[in-house]
PDB file of all heavy atoms in Angstrom:
ATOM      1  N   SER A   1      33.625  43.153  -8.419  1.00  0.00           N
ATOM      2  CA  SER A   1      32.721  42.729  -9.490  1.00  0.00           C
ATOM      3  C   SER A   1      32.563  43.823 -10.533  1.00  0.00           C
ATOM      4  O   SER A   1      32.673  45.023 -10.217  1.00  0.00           O
ATOM      5  CB  SER A   1      31.336  42.390  -8.916  1.00  0.00           C
ATOM      6  OG  SER A   1      31.406  41.314  -8.009  1.00  0.00           O
ATOM      7  N   LEU A   2      32.331  43.398 -11.748  1.00  0.00           N
ATOM      8  CA  LEU A   2      31.991  44.297 -12.838  1.00  0.00           C
ATOM      9  C   LEU A   2      30.987  43.595 -13.740  1.00  0.00           C
ATOM     10  O   LEU A   2      30.943  42.353 -13.792  1.00  0.00           O
ATOM     11  CB  LEU A   2      33.222  44.655 -13.679  1.00  0.00           C
ATOM     12  CG  LEU A   2      34.147  45.770 -13.231  1.00  0.00           C
ATOM     13  CD1 LEU A   2      35.324  45.876 -14.189  1.00  0.00           C
ATOM     14  CD2 LEU A   2      33.406  47.101 -13.151  1.00  0.00           C
ATOM     15  N   ARG A   3      30.222  44.402 -14.434  1.00  0.00           N
ATOM     16  CA  ARG A   3      29.274  43.860 -15.416  1.00  0.00           C
ATOM     17  C   ARG A   3      29.507  44.574 -16.731  1.00  0.00           C
ATOM     18  O   ARG A   3      29.507  45.810 -16.768  1.00  0.00           O
ATOM     19  CB  ARG A   3      27.826  44.072 -14.956  1.00  0.00           C
ATOM     20  CG  ARG A   3      26.792  43.384 -15.823  1.00  0.00           C
ATOM     21  CD  ARG A   3      25.390  43.648 -15.258  1.00  0.00           C
ATOM     22  NE  ARG A   3      24.342  42.922 -15.964  1.00  0.00           N
ATOM     23  CZ  ARG A   3      23.923  41.701 -15.632  1.00  0.00           C
ATOM     24  NH1 ARG A   3      24.476  41.077 -14.616  1.00  0.00           N
ATOM     25  NH2 ARG A   3      22.964  41.114 -16.320  1.00  0.00           N
ATOM     26  N   VAL A   4      29.748  43.814 -17.790  1.00  0.00           N
ATOM     27  CA  VAL A   4      29.877  44.395 -19.111  1.00  0.00           C
ATOM     28  C   VAL A   4      28.661  43.994 -19.934  1.00  0.00           C
ATOM     29  O   VAL A   4      28.126  42.888 -19.780  1.00  0.00           O
ATOM     30  CB  VAL A   4      31.194  43.965 -19.802  1.00  0.00           C
ATOM     31  CG1 VAL A   4      32.384  44.620 -19.132  1.00  0.00           C
ATOM     32  CG2 VAL A   4      31.344  42.460 -19.835  1.00  0.00           C
ATOM     33  N   SER A   5      28.232  44.912 -20.771  1.00  0.00           N
ATOM     34  CA  SER A   5      27.032  44.705 -21.574  1.00  0.00           C
ATOM     35  C   SER A   5      27.332  44.960 -23.047  1.00  0.00           C
ATOM     36  O   SER A   5      28.234  45.743 -23.382  1.00  0.00           O
ATOM     37  CB  SER A   5      25.921  45.647 -21.109  1.00  0.00           C
ATOM     38  OG  SER A   5      25.574  45.392 -19.765  1.00  0.00           O
ATOM     39  N   CYS A   6      26.564  44.324 -23.885  1.00  0.00           N
ATOM     40  CA  CYS A   6      26.725  44.473 -25.331  1.00  0.00           C
ATOM     41  C   CYS A   6      25.345  44.582 -25.960  1.00  0.00           C
ATOM     42  O   CYS A   6      24.462  43.766 -25.674  1.00  0.00           O
ATOM     43  CB  CYS A   6      27.477  43.286 -25.899  1.00  0.00           C
ATOM     44  SG  CYS A   6      27.589  43.244 -27.702  1.00  0.00           S
ATOM     45  N   SER A   7      25.209  45.584 -26.819  1.00  0.00           N
ATOM     46  CA  SER A   7      23.944  45.792 -27.503  1.00  0.00           C
ATOM     47  C   SER A   7      24.147  45.667 -29.000  1.00  0.00           C
ATOM     48  O   SER A   7      25.073  46.280 -29.556  1.00  0.00           O
ATOM     49  CB  SER A   7      23.390  47.185 -27.154  1.00  0.00           C
ATOM     50  OG  SER A   7      22.182  47.412 -27.817  1.00  0.00           O
ATOM     51  N   ALA A   8      23.291  44.899 -29.654  1.00  0.00           N
ATOM     52  CA  ALA A   8      23.371  44.708 -31.100  1.00  0.00           C
ATOM     53  C   ALA A   8      22.427  45.670 -31.808  1.00  0.00           C
ATOM     54  O   ALA A   8      21.373  46.033 -31.281  1.00  0.00           O
ATOM     55  CB  ALA A   8      23.016  43.274 -31.462  1.00  0.00           C
ATOM     56  N   SER A   9      22.820  46.050 -33.033  1.00  0.00           N
ATOM     57  CA  SER A   9      22.060  47.068 -33.767  1.00  0.00           C
ATOM     58  C   SER A   9      20.862  46.509 -34.526  1.00  0.00           C
ATOM     59  O   SER A   9      20.096  47.275 -35.120  1.00  0.00           O
ATOM     60  CB  SER A   9      22.986  47.785 -34.756  1.00  0.00           C
ATOM     61  OG  SER A   9      23.524  46.873 -35.688  1.00  0.00           O
ATOM     62  N   ARG A  10      20.697  45.189 -34.518  1.00  0.00           N
ATOM     63  CA  ARG A  10      19.524  44.604 -35.144  1.00  0.00           C
ATOM     64  C   ARG A  10      19.040  43.432 -34.307  1.00  0.00           C
ATOM     65  O   ARG A  10      19.677  43.020 -33.358  1.00  0.00           O
ATOM     66  CB  ARG A  10      19.860  44.156 -36.581  1.00  0.00           C
ATOM     67  CG  ARG A  10      20.900  43.060 -36.705  1.00  0.00           C
ATOM     68  CD  ARG A  10      20.309  41.858 -37.426  1.00  0.00           C
ATOM     69  NE  ARG A  10      21.328  40.920 -37.872  1.00  0.00           N
ATOM     70  CZ  ARG A  10      21.605  39.787 -37.241  1.00  0.00           C
ATOM     71  NH1 ARG A  10      20.977  39.467 -36.132  1.00  0.00           N
ATOM     72  NH2 ARG A  10      22.498  38.952 -37.729  1.00  0.00           N
ATOM     73  N   ASP A  11      17.883  42.932 -34.648  1.00  0.00           N
ATOM     74  CA  ASP A  11      17.306  41.816 -33.913  1.00  0.00           C
ATOM     75  C   ASP A  11      18.235  40.604 -33.937  1.00  0.00           C
ATOM     76  O   ASP A  11      18.839  40.299 -34.973  1.00  0.00           O
ATOM     77  CB  ASP A  11      15.953  41.431 -34.489  1.00  0.00           C
ATOM     78  CG  ASP A  11      14.883  42.457 -34.186  1.00  0.00           C
ATOM     79  OD1 ASP A  11      15.117  43.304 -33.305  1.00  0.00           O
ATOM     80  OD2 ASP A  11      13.818  42.396 -34.819  1.00  0.00           O
ATOM     81  N   ILE A  12      18.317  39.948 -32.807  1.00  0.00           N
ATOM     82  CA  ILE A  12      19.111  38.740 -32.671  1.00  0.00           C
ATOM     83  C   ILE A  12      18.221  37.544 -32.963  1.00  0.00           C
ATOM     84  O   ILE A  12      17.137  37.420 -32.392  1.00  0.00           O
ATOM     85  CB  ILE A  12      19.709  38.633 -31.264  1.00  0.00           C
ATOM     86  CG1 ILE A  12      20.573  39.855 -30.959  1.00  0.00           C
ATOM     87  CG2 ILE A  12      20.509  37.350 -31.114  1.00  0.00           C
ATOM     88  CD1 ILE A  12      21.714  40.052 -31.916  1.00  0.00           C
ATOM     89  N   PHE A  13      18.688  36.653 -33.841  1.00  0.00           N
ATOM     90  CA  PHE A  13      17.924  35.469 -34.177  1.00  0.00           C
ATOM     91  C   PHE A  13      18.128  34.404 -33.109  1.00  0.00           C
ATOM     92  O   PHE A  13      19.163  34.354 -32.433  1.00  0.00           O
ATOM     93  CB  PHE A  13      18.354  34.933 -35.539  1.00  0.00           C
ATOM     94  CG  PHE A  13      18.207  35.912 -36.657  1.00  0.00           C
ATOM     95  CD1 PHE A  13      19.310  36.377 -37.352  1.00  0.00           C
ATOM     96  CD2 PHE A  13      16.966  36.398 -37.024  1.00  0.00           C
ATOM     97  CE1 PHE A  13      19.186  37.288 -38.379  1.00  0.00           C
ATOM     98  CE2 PHE A  13      16.821  37.317 -38.047  1.00  0.00           C
ATOM     99  CZ  PHE A  13      17.941  37.768 -38.733  1.00  0.00           C
ATOM    100  N   SER A  14      17.139  33.540 -32.980  1.00  0.00           N
ATOM    101  CA  SER A  14      17.225  32.506 -31.952  1.00  0.00           C
ATOM    102  C   SER A  14      18.395  31.564 -32.201  1.00  0.00           C
ATOM    103  O   SER A  14      18.918  30.955 -31.274  1.00  0.00           O
ATOM    104  CB  SER A  14      15.922  31.721 -31.876  1.00  0.00           C
ATOM    105  OG  SER A  14      15.633  31.122 -33.121  1.00  0.00           O
ATOM    106  N   SER A  15      18.825  31.448 -33.451  1.00  0.00           N
ATOM    107  CA  SER A  15      19.931  30.550 -33.782  1.00  0.00           C
ATOM    108  C   SER A  15      21.302  31.198 -33.575  1.00  0.00           C
ATOM    109  O   SER A  15      22.331  30.531 -33.683  1.00  0.00           O
ATOM    110  CB  SER A  15      19.821  30.096 -35.237  1.00  0.00           C
ATOM    111  OG  SER A  15      19.824  31.221 -36.101  1.00  0.00           O
ATOM    112  N   ASP A  16      21.330  32.476 -33.279  1.00  0.00           N
ATOM    113  CA  ASP A  16      22.601  33.194 -33.128  1.00  0.00           C
ATOM    114  C   ASP A  16      23.323  32.774 -31.851  1.00  0.00           C
ATOM    115  O   ASP A  16      22.700  32.501 -30.827  1.00  0.00           O
ATOM    116  CB  ASP A  16      22.372  34.704 -33.084  1.00  0.00           C
ATOM    117  CG  ASP A  16      21.919  35.265 -34.419  1.00  0.00           C
ATOM    118  OD1 ASP A  16      22.012  34.545 -35.431  1.00  0.00           O
ATOM    119  OD2 ASP A  16      21.478  36.431 -34.438  1.00  0.00           O
ATOM    120  N   VAL A  17      24.639  32.765 -31.964  1.00  0.00           N
ATOM    121  CA  VAL A  17      25.485  32.557 -30.789  1.00  0.00           C
ATOM    122  C   VAL A  17      26.035  33.912 -30.365  1.00  0.00           C
ATOM    123  O   VAL A  17      26.563  34.658 -31.178  1.00  0.00           O
ATOM    124  CB  VAL A  17      26.649  31.601 -31.098  1.00  0.00           C
ATOM    125  CG1 VAL A  17      27.551  31.441 -29.863  1.00  0.00           C
ATOM    126  CG2 VAL A  17      26.130  30.253 -31.558  1.00  0.00           C
ATOM    127  N   MET A  18      25.898  34.223 -29.111  1.00  0.00           N
ATOM    128  CA  MET A  18      26.467  35.468 -28.583  1.00  0.00           C
ATOM    129  C   MET A  18      27.464  35.119 -27.488  1.00  0.00           C
ATOM    130  O   MET A  18      27.353  34.064 -26.840  1.00  0.00           O
ATOM    131  CB  MET A  18      25.384  36.382 -28.042  1.00  0.00           C
ATOM    132  CG  MET A  18      24.353  36.801 -29.073  1.00  0.00           C
ATOM    133  SD  MET A  18      23.337  38.169 -28.530  1.00  0.00           S
ATOM    134  CE  MET A  18      24.483  39.544 -28.757  1.00  0.00           C
ATOM    135  N   GLY A  19      28.415  35.999 -27.299  1.00  0.00           N
ATOM    136  CA  GLY A  19      29.390  35.679 -26.279  1.00  0.00           C
ATOM    137  C   GLY A  19      30.390  36.780 -26.039  1.00  0.00           C
ATOM    138  O   GLY A  19      30.256  37.907 -26.559  1.00  0.00           O
ATOM    139  N   TRP A  20      31.380  36.436 -25.257  1.00  0.00           N
ATOM    140  CA  TRP A  20      32.455  37.348 -24.882  1.00  0.00           C
ATOM    141  C   TRP A  20      33.800  36.648 -25.042  1.00  0.00           C
ATOM    142  O   TRP A  20      33.958  35.482 -24.649  1.00  0.00           O
ATOM    143  CB  TRP A  20      32.286  37.819 -23.433  1.00  0.00           C
ATOM    144  CG  TRP A  20      31.119  38.703 -23.239  1.00  0.00           C
ATOM    145  CD1 TRP A  20      29.849  38.341 -22.913  1.00  0.00           C
ATOM    146  CD2 TRP A  20      31.102  40.133 -23.383  1.00  0.00           C
ATOM    147  NE1 TRP A  20      29.036  39.444 -22.824  1.00  0.00           N
ATOM    148  CE2 TRP A  20      29.790  40.558 -23.113  1.00  0.00           C
ATOM    149  CE3 TRP A  20      32.060  41.097 -23.697  1.00  0.00           C
ATOM    150  CZ2 TRP A  20      29.408  41.903 -23.158  1.00  0.00           C
ATOM    151  CZ3 TRP A  20      31.687  42.419 -23.737  1.00  0.00           C
ATOM    152  CH2 TRP A  20      30.376  42.815 -23.467  1.00  0.00           C
ATOM    153  N   TYR A  21      34.722  37.370 -25.610  1.00  0.00           N
ATOM    154  CA  TYR A  21      36.118  36.964 -25.684  1.00  0.00           C
ATOM    155  C   TYR A  21      36.938  38.054 -25.000  1.00  0.00           C
ATOM    156  O   TYR A  21      36.441  39.164 -24.757  1.00  0.00           O
ATOM    157  CB  TYR A  21      36.565  36.810 -27.138  1.00  0.00           C
ATOM    158  CG  TYR A  21      36.090  35.557 -27.805  1.00  0.00           C
ATOM    159  CD1 TYR A  21      34.735  35.365 -28.083  1.00  0.00           C
ATOM    160  CD2 TYR A  21      36.977  34.551 -28.172  1.00  0.00           C
ATOM    161  CE1 TYR A  21      34.295  34.201 -28.705  1.00  0.00           C
ATOM    162  CE2 TYR A  21      36.549  33.391 -28.799  1.00  0.00           C
ATOM    163  CZ  TYR A  21      35.206  33.224 -29.058  1.00  0.00           C
ATOM    164  OH  TYR A  21      34.773  32.082 -29.675  1.00  0.00           O
ATOM    165  N   ARG A  22      38.185  37.729 -24.710  1.00  0.00           N
ATOM    166  CA  ARG A  22      39.064  38.743 -24.137  1.00  0.00           C
ATOM    167  C   ARG A  22      40.480  38.588 -24.670  1.00  0.00           C
ATOM    168  O   ARG A  22      40.880  37.503 -25.093  1.00  0.00           O
ATOM    169  CB  ARG A  22      39.069  38.682 -22.604  1.00  0.00           C
ATOM    170  CG  ARG A  22      39.692  37.415 -22.024  1.00  0.00           C
ATOM    171  CD  ARG A  22      39.495  37.372 -20.514  1.00  0.00           C
ATOM    172  NE  ARG A  22      40.098  36.186 -19.920  1.00  0.00           N
ATOM    173  CZ  ARG A  22      39.960  35.842 -18.633  1.00  0.00           C
ATOM    174  NH1 ARG A  22      39.224  36.585 -17.818  1.00  0.00           N
ATOM    175  NH2 ARG A  22      40.550  34.745 -18.181  1.00  0.00           N
ATOM    176  N   GLN A  23      41.194  39.704 -24.629  1.00  0.00           N
ATOM    177  CA  GLN A  23      42.578  39.689 -25.084  1.00  0.00           C
ATOM    178  C   GLN A  23      43.413  40.520 -24.142  1.00  0.00           C
ATOM    179  O   GLN A  23      43.187  41.727 -23.998  1.00  0.00           O
ATOM    180  CB  GLN A  23      42.689  40.222 -26.502  1.00  0.00           C
ATOM    181  CG  GLN A  23      44.079  40.055 -27.102  1.00  0.00           C
ATOM    182  CD  GLN A  23      44.089  40.273 -28.597  1.00  0.00           C
ATOM    183  OE1 GLN A  23      43.169  40.850 -29.172  1.00  0.00           O
ATOM    184  NE2 GLN A  23      45.141  39.807 -29.259  1.00  0.00           N
ATOM    185  N   ALA A  24      44.368  39.861 -23.512  1.00  0.00           N
ATOM    186  CA  ALA A  24      45.303  40.533 -22.615  1.00  0.00           C
ATOM    187  C   ALA A  24      46.528  40.955 -23.423  1.00  0.00           C
ATOM    188  O   ALA A  24      46.817  40.369 -24.483  1.00  0.00           O
ATOM    189  CB  ALA A  24      45.695  39.614 -21.470  1.00  0.00           C
ATOM    190  N   PRO A  25      47.267  41.941 -22.951  1.00  0.00           N
ATOM    191  CA  PRO A  25      48.462  42.385 -23.678  1.00  0.00           C
ATOM    192  C   PRO A  25      49.434  41.236 -23.939  1.00  0.00           C
ATOM    193  O   PRO A  25      49.757  40.470 -23.026  1.00  0.00           O
ATOM    194  CB  PRO A  25      49.073  43.425 -22.734  1.00  0.00           C
ATOM    195  CG  PRO A  25      47.924  43.925 -21.942  1.00  0.00           C
ATOM    196  CD  PRO A  25      47.015  42.752 -21.750  1.00  0.00           C
ATOM    197  N   GLY A  26      49.845  41.106 -25.181  1.00  0.00           N
ATOM    198  CA  GLY A  26      50.804  40.081 -25.547  1.00  0.00           C
ATOM    199  C   GLY A  26      50.244  38.685 -25.664  1.00  0.00           C
ATOM    200  O   GLY A  26      50.992  37.734 -25.882  1.00  0.00           O
ATOM    201  N   LYS A  27      48.926  38.557 -25.542  1.00  0.00           N
ATOM    202  CA  LYS A  27      48.303  37.237 -25.613  1.00  0.00           C
ATOM    203  C   LYS A  27      47.275  37.195 -26.728  1.00  0.00           C
ATOM    204  O   LYS A  27      46.802  38.226 -27.205  1.00  0.00           O
ATOM    205  CB  LYS A  27      47.651  36.883 -24.276  1.00  0.00           C
ATOM    206  CG  LYS A  27      48.647  36.709 -23.137  1.00  0.00           C
ATOM    207  CD  LYS A  27      47.962  36.185 -21.891  1.00  0.00           C
ATOM    208  CE  LYS A  27      48.949  35.949 -20.772  1.00  0.00           C
ATOM    209  NZ  LYS A  27      48.279  35.406 -19.553  1.00  0.00           N
ATOM    210  N   GLN A  28      46.909  35.982 -27.118  1.00  0.00           N
ATOM    211  CA  GLN A  28      45.887  35.813 -28.134  1.00  0.00           C
ATOM    212  C   GLN A  28      44.497  36.030 -27.529  1.00  0.00           C
ATOM    213  O   GLN A  28      44.293  35.857 -26.327  1.00  0.00           O
ATOM    214  CB  GLN A  28      45.972  34.407 -28.735  1.00  0.00           C
ATOM    215  CG  GLN A  28      47.201  34.176 -29.596  1.00  0.00           C
ATOM    216  CD  GLN A  28      47.149  32.831 -30.309  1.00  0.00           C
ATOM    217  OE1 GLN A  28      46.546  31.884 -29.821  1.00  0.00           O
ATOM    218  NE2 GLN A  28      47.779  32.756 -31.472  1.00  0.00           N
ATOM    219  N   ARG A  29      43.572  36.382 -28.390  1.00  0.00           N
ATOM    220  CA  ARG A  29      42.194  36.513 -27.956  1.00  0.00           C
ATOM    221  C   ARG A  29      41.675  35.137 -27.558  1.00  0.00           C
ATOM    222  O   ARG A  29      41.897  34.145 -28.258  1.00  0.00           O
ATOM    223  CB  ARG A  29      41.340  37.103 -29.070  1.00  0.00           C
ATOM    224  CG  ARG A  29      39.945  37.510 -28.638  1.00  0.00           C
ATOM    225  CD  ARG A  29      39.220  38.256 -29.744  1.00  0.00           C
ATOM    226  NE  ARG A  29      39.892  39.504 -30.107  1.00  0.00           N
ATOM    227  CZ  ARG A  29      39.356  40.418 -30.914  1.00  0.00           C
ATOM    228  NH1 ARG A  29      38.148  40.211 -31.438  1.00  0.00           N
ATOM    229  NH2 ARG A  29      40.021  41.511 -31.202  1.00  0.00           N
ATOM    230  N   GLU A  30      40.963  35.090 -26.428  1.00  0.00           N
ATOM    231  CA  GLU A  30      40.471  33.812 -25.931  1.00  0.00           C
ATOM    232  C   GLU A  30      39.001  33.879 -25.575  1.00  0.00           C
ATOM    233  O   GLU A  30      38.480  34.932 -25.209  1.00  0.00           O
ATOM    234  CB  GLU A  30      41.269  33.379 -24.691  1.00  0.00           C
ATOM    235  CG  GLU A  30      41.147  34.300 -23.501  1.00  0.00           C
ATOM    236  CD  GLU A  30      41.876  33.793 -22.278  1.00  0.00           C
ATOM    237  OE1 GLU A  30      42.575  32.759 -22.367  1.00  0.00           O
ATOM    238  OE2 GLU A  30      41.754  34.428 -21.210  1.00  0.00           O
ATOM    239  N   LEU A  31      38.364  32.728 -25.656  1.00  0.00           N
ATOM    240  CA  LEU A  31      36.957  32.620 -25.291  1.00  0.00           C
ATOM    241  C   LEU A  31      36.784  32.843 -23.801  1.00  0.00           C
ATOM    242  O   LEU A  31      37.549  32.304 -22.995  1.00  0.00           O
ATOM    243  CB  LEU A  31      36.433  31.234 -25.662  1.00  0.00           C
ATOM    244  CG  LEU A  31      35.067  30.855 -25.119  1.00  0.00           C
ATOM    245  CD1 LEU A  31      33.981  31.596 -25.870  1.00  0.00           C
ATOM    246  CD2 LEU A  31      34.851  29.351 -25.215  1.00  0.00           C
ATOM    247  N   VAL A  32      35.771  33.601 -23.456  1.00  0.00           N
ATOM    248  CA  VAL A  32      35.365  33.734 -22.053  1.00  0.00           C
ATOM    249  C   VAL A  32      34.078  32.943 -21.818  1.00  0.00           C
ATOM    250  O   VAL A  32      34.024  32.068 -20.953  1.00  0.00           O
ATOM    251  CB  VAL A  32      35.153  35.200 -21.662  1.00  0.00           C
ATOM    252  CG1 VAL A  32      34.666  35.306 -20.212  1.00  0.00           C
ATOM    253  CG2 VAL A  32      36.434  36.005 -21.863  1.00  0.00           C
ATOM    254  N   ALA A  33      33.051  33.260 -22.596  1.00  0.00           N
ATOM    255  CA  ALA A  33      31.770  32.579 -22.434  1.00  0.00           C
ATOM    256  C   ALA A  33      30.913  32.803 -23.669  1.00  0.00           C
ATOM    257  O   ALA A  33      31.012  33.845 -24.320  1.00  0.00           O
ATOM    258  CB  ALA A  33      31.029  33.092 -21.198  1.00  0.00           C
ATOM    259  N   THR A  34      30.067  31.815 -23.978  1.00  0.00           N
ATOM    260  CA  THR A  34      29.092  31.955 -25.044  1.00  0.00           C
ATOM    261  C   THR A  34      27.742  31.467 -24.557  1.00  0.00           C
ATOM    262  O   THR A  34      27.643  30.707 -23.585  1.00  0.00           O
ATOM    263  CB  THR A  34      29.483  31.158 -26.300  1.00  0.00           C
ATOM    264  OG1 THR A  34      29.642  29.785 -25.943  1.00  0.00           O
ATOM    265  CG2 THR A  34      30.760  31.679 -26.929  1.00  0.00           C
ATOM    266  N   ILE A  35      26.698  31.901 -25.262  1.00  0.00           N
ATOM    267  CA  ILE A  35      25.339  31.514 -24.907  1.00  0.00           C
ATOM    268  C   ILE A  35      24.495  31.451 -26.160  1.00  0.00           C
ATOM    269  O   ILE A  35      24.623  32.284 -27.064  1.00  0.00           O
ATOM    270  CB  ILE A  35      24.730  32.508 -23.881  1.00  0.00           C
ATOM    271  CG1 ILE A  35      23.346  32.044 -23.415  1.00  0.00           C
ATOM    272  CG2 ILE A  35      24.689  33.924 -24.440  1.00  0.00           C
ATOM    273  CD1 ILE A  35      22.824  32.829 -22.224  1.00  0.00           C
ATOM    274  N   ILE A  36      23.629  30.428 -26.238  1.00  0.00           N
ATOM    275  CA  ILE A  36      22.677  30.339 -27.323  1.00  0.00           C
ATOM    276  C   ILE A  36      21.278  30.587 -26.778  1.00  0.00           C
ATOM    277  O   ILE A  36      21.083  30.670 -25.565  1.00  0.00           O
ATOM    278  CB  ILE A  36      22.754  28.978 -28.041  1.00  0.00           C
ATOM    279  CG1 ILE A  36      22.377  27.846 -27.097  1.00  0.00           C
ATOM    280  CG2 ILE A  36      24.126  28.784 -28.656  1.00  0.00           C
ATOM    281  CD1 ILE A  36      22.274  26.488 -27.793  1.00  0.00           C
ATOM    282  N   SER A  37      20.320  30.684 -27.677  1.00  0.00           N
ATOM    283  CA  SER A  37      18.986  31.132 -27.307  1.00  0.00           C
ATOM    284  C   SER A  37      18.325  30.240 -26.272  1.00  0.00           C
ATOM    285  O   SER A  37      17.604  30.719 -25.420  1.00  0.00           O
ATOM    286  CB  SER A  37      18.112  31.214 -28.553  1.00  0.00           C
ATOM    287  OG  SER A  37      16.828  31.685 -28.223  1.00  0.00           O
ATOM    288  N   LEU A  38      18.595  28.945 -26.333  1.00  0.00           N
ATOM    289  CA  LEU A  38      17.966  28.025 -25.393  1.00  0.00           C
ATOM    290  C   LEU A  38      18.566  28.137 -23.998  1.00  0.00           C
ATOM    291  O   LEU A  38      18.119  27.440 -23.087  1.00  0.00           O
ATOM    292  CB  LEU A  38      18.084  26.592 -25.908  1.00  0.00           C
ATOM    293  CG  LEU A  38      17.291  26.286 -27.183  1.00  0.00           C
ATOM    294  CD1 LEU A  38      17.540  24.863 -27.655  1.00  0.00           C
ATOM    295  CD2 LEU A  38      15.803  26.527 -26.965  1.00  0.00           C
ATOM    296  N   GLY A  39      19.562  28.980 -23.857  1.00  0.00           N
ATOM    297  CA  GLY A  39      20.172  29.199 -22.549  1.00  0.00           C
ATOM    298  C   GLY A  39      21.375  28.336 -22.277  1.00  0.00           C
ATOM    299  O   GLY A  39      21.961  28.405 -21.194  1.00  0.00           O
ATOM    300  N   TYR A  40      21.765  27.528 -23.246  1.00  0.00           N
ATOM    301  CA  TYR A  40      22.971  26.714 -23.074  1.00  0.00           C
ATOM    302  C   TYR A  40      24.177  27.629 -23.059  1.00  0.00           C
ATOM    303  O   TYR A  40      24.353  28.457 -23.947  1.00  0.00           O
ATOM    304  CB  TYR A  40      23.090  25.705 -24.193  1.00  0.00           C
ATOM    305  CG  TYR A  40      24.327  24.851 -24.086  1.00  0.00           C
ATOM    306  CD1 TYR A  40      24.369  23.769 -23.221  1.00  0.00           C
ATOM    307  CD2 TYR A  40      25.452  25.149 -24.842  1.00  0.00           C
ATOM    308  CE1 TYR A  40      25.512  23.001 -23.109  1.00  0.00           C
ATOM    309  CE2 TYR A  40      26.595  24.378 -24.740  1.00  0.00           C
ATOM    310  CZ  TYR A  40      26.617  23.303 -23.869  1.00  0.00           C
ATOM    311  OH  TYR A  40      27.745  22.550 -23.756  1.00  0.00           O
ATOM    312  N   THR A  41      25.029  27.466 -22.050  1.00  0.00           N
ATOM    313  CA  THR A  41      26.199  28.319 -21.890  1.00  0.00           C
ATOM    314  C   THR A  41      27.481  27.506 -21.911  1.00  0.00           C
ATOM    315  O   THR A  41      27.482  26.312 -21.593  1.00  0.00           O
ATOM    316  CB  THR A  41      26.124  29.103 -20.577  1.00  0.00           C
ATOM    317  OG1 THR A  41      25.992  28.177 -19.482  1.00  0.00           O
ATOM    318  CG2 THR A  41      24.938  30.059 -20.555  1.00  0.00           C
TER     319      THR A  41
END
């Protein structure tokens, strides 16, 4: 297991979408997961 964290330099608005993408060597960047303020993932 691993846990990665991300910190933003300003306040996050409730309407903002936050998430994680990843890119493996030789591949395109792909969606991993997203989350909105209401907790929808």
